[in-house]
Amino acid sequence: MLQLFGGLSRWGTKLDIDPTTKPHVRGDAWLPPFGRDSFDVVILDPPYAGIDQQMKQTLIRGAAFVAREHVMWFHTHWVAPDAGLRRERSWLVRVGDSCSCRCLIEWRVVARDKPVPALKFTRGPALKYRRWLAGEMGLPLFPVSSVIGDVGHD
């Protein structure tokens, strides 16, 4: 089992971009460094900040490529499956009083000819993570909208 964004989890193989979380693999969840069908199950629990269609599709395609059997989605956004996935079960989870609900969706991998995930980014917010991994810049601690102009093109 692989947990993308899983640095603080207590189980499974944890991939996280932040070395302070002490993940098993330091890497970018948008560009998982694993081959096709490397794990039976891949869990996606991305940050609960705004996520647009391109980011969602990129995450799910990367997870589906790496997963043999299932992809699990845990987030505040309910999303449709993509890239050869079929929804098997789903839950709307209330995690406390006066809070956002969480969506837990289990997809089965059904495609034999999986689309190859993105290998790199050439524009958009994901560039800041790639540049941070390469040591070209610090990871900004302010809203993405304030740095979009700084991360435009390589």
Protein backbone atom coordinates (compact mmCIF):
# COMPACT_ATOMS: atom_id res chain seq x y z
CA MET A 1 0.00 0.00 0.00
CA LEU A 2 1.29 3.43 -1.00
CA GLN A 3 0.17 6.66 0.63
CA LEU A 4 0.81 9.70 -1.52
CA PHE A 5 1.08 12.74 0.80
CA GLY A 6 1.54 10.16 3.56
CA GLY A 7 4.55 11.41 5.53
CA LEU A 8 2.80 11.51 8.91
CA SER A 9 0.89 8.23 8.49
CA ARG A 10 1.69 5.31 10.77
CA TRP A 11 1.30 2.56 8.14
CA GLY A 12 1.96 1.72 4.51
CA THR A 13 4.72 3.01 2.27
CA LYS A 14 4.70 6.77 2.72
CA LEU A 15 5.65 9.23 -0.01
CA ASP A 16 5.87 12.91 0.90
CA ILE A 17 7.68 15.95 -0.44
CA ASP A 18 8.43 17.26 3.06
CA PRO A 19 11.53 15.61 4.59
CA THR A 20 10.52 16.68 8.12
CA THR A 21 7.65 14.13 8.00
CA LYS A 22 10.26 11.35 7.58
CA PRO A 23 8.55 9.54 4.68
CA HIS A 24 9.86 6.26 3.30
CA VAL A 25 10.23 7.96 -0.09
CA ARG A 26 10.76 11.69 -0.54
CA GLY A 27 9.00 12.69 -3.71
CA ASP A 28 6.23 14.62 -5.39
CA ALA A 29 2.78 12.98 -5.27
CA TRP A 30 1.91 14.64 -8.59
CA LEU A 31 4.85 12.81 -10.19
CA PRO A 32 5.07 9.50 -8.26
CA PRO A 33 8.48 7.87 -8.82
CA PHE A 34 7.12 4.31 -9.17
CA GLY A 35 6.47 2.03 -12.11
CA ARG A 36 3.20 0.71 -13.43
CA ASP A 37 1.32 -1.58 -11.00
CA SER A 38 3.91 -1.13 -8.21
CA PHE A 39 1.35 -1.27 -5.36
CA ASP A 40 -1.95 -3.09 -4.81
CA VAL A 41 -3.55 0.02 -3.29
CA VAL A 42 -2.70 3.73 -3.59
CA ILE A 43 -4.21 6.24 -1.15
CA LEU A 44 -4.65 9.86 -2.18
CA ASP A 45 -5.13 12.25 0.74
CA PRO A 46 -4.03 15.56 -0.80
CA PRO A 47 -3.95 18.85 1.13
CA TYR A 48 -7.40 20.28 1.69
CA ALA A 49 -6.57 23.50 -0.12
CA GLY A 50 -8.31 24.26 -3.39
CA ILE A 51 -7.70 21.64 -6.05
CA ASP A 52 -8.55 22.33 -9.67
CA GLN A 53 -9.47 19.90 -12.46
CA GLN A 54 -5.94 19.66 -13.86
CA MET A 55 -4.44 18.92 -10.43
CA LYS A 56 -7.11 16.31 -9.66
CA GLN A 57 -6.70 14.57 -13.00
CA THR A 58 -2.92 14.51 -12.69
CA LEU A 59 -3.07 13.04 -9.17
CA ILE A 60 -5.61 10.38 -10.06
CA ARG A 61 -3.84 9.34 -13.28
CA GLY A 62 -0.53 9.00 -11.45
CA ALA A 63 -2.16 6.95 -8.68
CA ALA A 64 -4.04 4.75 -11.17
CA PHE A 65 -0.83 4.06 -13.07
CA VAL A 66 0.97 2.93 -9.90
CA ALA A 67 -2.00 0.93 -8.48
CA ARG A 68 -2.75 -2.69 -9.43
CA GLU A 69 -6.16 -3.01 -7.75
CA HIS A 70 -7.53 0.09 -5.98
CA VAL A 71 -7.15 3.84 -5.60
CA MET A 72 -8.62 5.46 -2.48
CA TRP A 73 -9.52 9.18 -2.44
CA PHE A 74 -9.91 11.04 0.86
CA HIS A 75 -10.60 14.74 0.46
CA THR A 76 -13.16 17.50 0.97
CA HIS A 77 -14.01 17.38 -2.78
CA TRP A 78 -16.16 14.63 -4.26
CA VAL A 79 -14.57 13.80 -7.61
CA ALA A 80 -15.42 11.61 -10.57
CA PRO A 81 -13.12 8.71 -11.49
CA ASP A 82 -10.63 9.01 -14.31
CA ALA A 83 -8.03 6.98 -16.15
CA GLY A 84 -9.62 3.53 -16.18
CA LEU A 85 -11.09 3.58 -12.69
CA ARG A 86 -14.58 2.46 -11.62
CA ARG A 87 -16.16 3.56 -8.35
CA GLU A 88 -16.82 0.58 -6.09
CA ARG A 89 -17.82 2.18 -2.80
CA SER A 90 -17.95 5.66 -1.32
CA TRP A 91 -18.70 7.38 1.95
CA LEU A 92 -19.30 10.92 3.11
CA VAL A 93 -17.47 11.21 6.44
CA ARG A 94 -18.19 13.73 9.18
CA VAL A 95 -15.01 14.15 11.22
CA GLY A 96 -16.35 16.44 13.97
CA ASP A 97 -18.77 19.21 14.81
CA SER A 98 -18.79 22.43 12.73
CA CYS A 99 -16.37 21.05 10.17
CA SER A 100 -16.09 20.17 6.53
CA CYS A 101 -17.07 16.65 5.58
CA ARG A 102 -14.58 14.32 3.94
CA CYS A 103 -15.24 12.13 0.92
CA LEU A 104 -13.85 8.63 0.96
CA ILE A 105 -14.08 6.99 -2.46
CA GLU A 106 -12.78 3.55 -3.42
CA TRP A 107 -12.09 3.04 -7.12
CA ARG A 108 -11.14 -0.26 -8.75
CA VAL A 109 -8.50 -0.18 -11.47
CA VAL A 110 -10.19 -1.59 -14.57
CA ALA A 111 -8.10 -0.35 -17.50
CA ARG A 112 -5.45 -2.62 -18.91
CA ASP A 113 -4.10 0.15 -21.15
CA LYS A 114 -3.49 2.83 -18.55
CA PRO A 115 -2.61 6.33 -19.70
CA VAL A 116 0.98 7.19 -18.86
CA PRO A 117 1.05 9.86 -16.14
CA ALA A 118 2.73 13.23 -16.52
CA LEU A 119 6.53 13.06 -16.45
CA LYS A 120 7.08 16.76 -15.74
CA PHE A 121 5.25 20.05 -15.50
CA THR A 122 5.92 23.05 -17.71
CA ARG A 123 3.49 25.53 -16.13
CA GLY A 124 1.19 26.08 -13.18
CA PRO A 125 1.40 25.70 -9.38
CA ALA A 126 3.08 22.29 -9.49
CA LEU A 127 6.32 23.92 -10.67
CA LYS A 128 7.00 25.36 -7.22
CA TYR A 129 7.23 21.81 -5.81
CA ARG A 130 9.57 20.63 -8.55
CA ARG A 131 11.82 23.65 -8.05
CA TRP A 132 11.80 23.08 -4.29
CA LEU A 133 12.77 19.42 -4.75
CA ALA A 134 15.63 20.46 -7.03
CA GLY A 135 16.84 22.96 -4.42
CA GLU A 136 16.25 25.92 -6.73
CA MET A 137 13.96 27.74 -4.28
CA GLY A 138 12.48 27.53 -0.81
CA LEU A 139 8.97 26.22 -0.41
CA PRO A 140 6.79 29.33 -0.03
CA LEU A 141 4.78 29.65 3.15
CA PHE A 142 2.18 31.96 1.64
CA PRO A 143 -0.82 31.39 -0.66
CA VAL A 144 -0.12 29.92 -4.09
CA SER A 145 -1.96 32.83 -5.73
CA SER A 146 0.75 35.22 -4.53
CA VAL A 147 3.55 33.21 -6.20
CA ILE A 148 1.95 32.21 -9.50
CA GLY A 149 3.85 34.97 -11.30
CA ASP A 150 7.14 33.60 -9.92
CA VAL A 151 6.62 30.03 -11.14
CA GLY A 152 5.26 30.61 -14.64
CA HIS A 153 7.69 28.87 -17.01
CA ASP A 154 11.02 27.05 -16.72
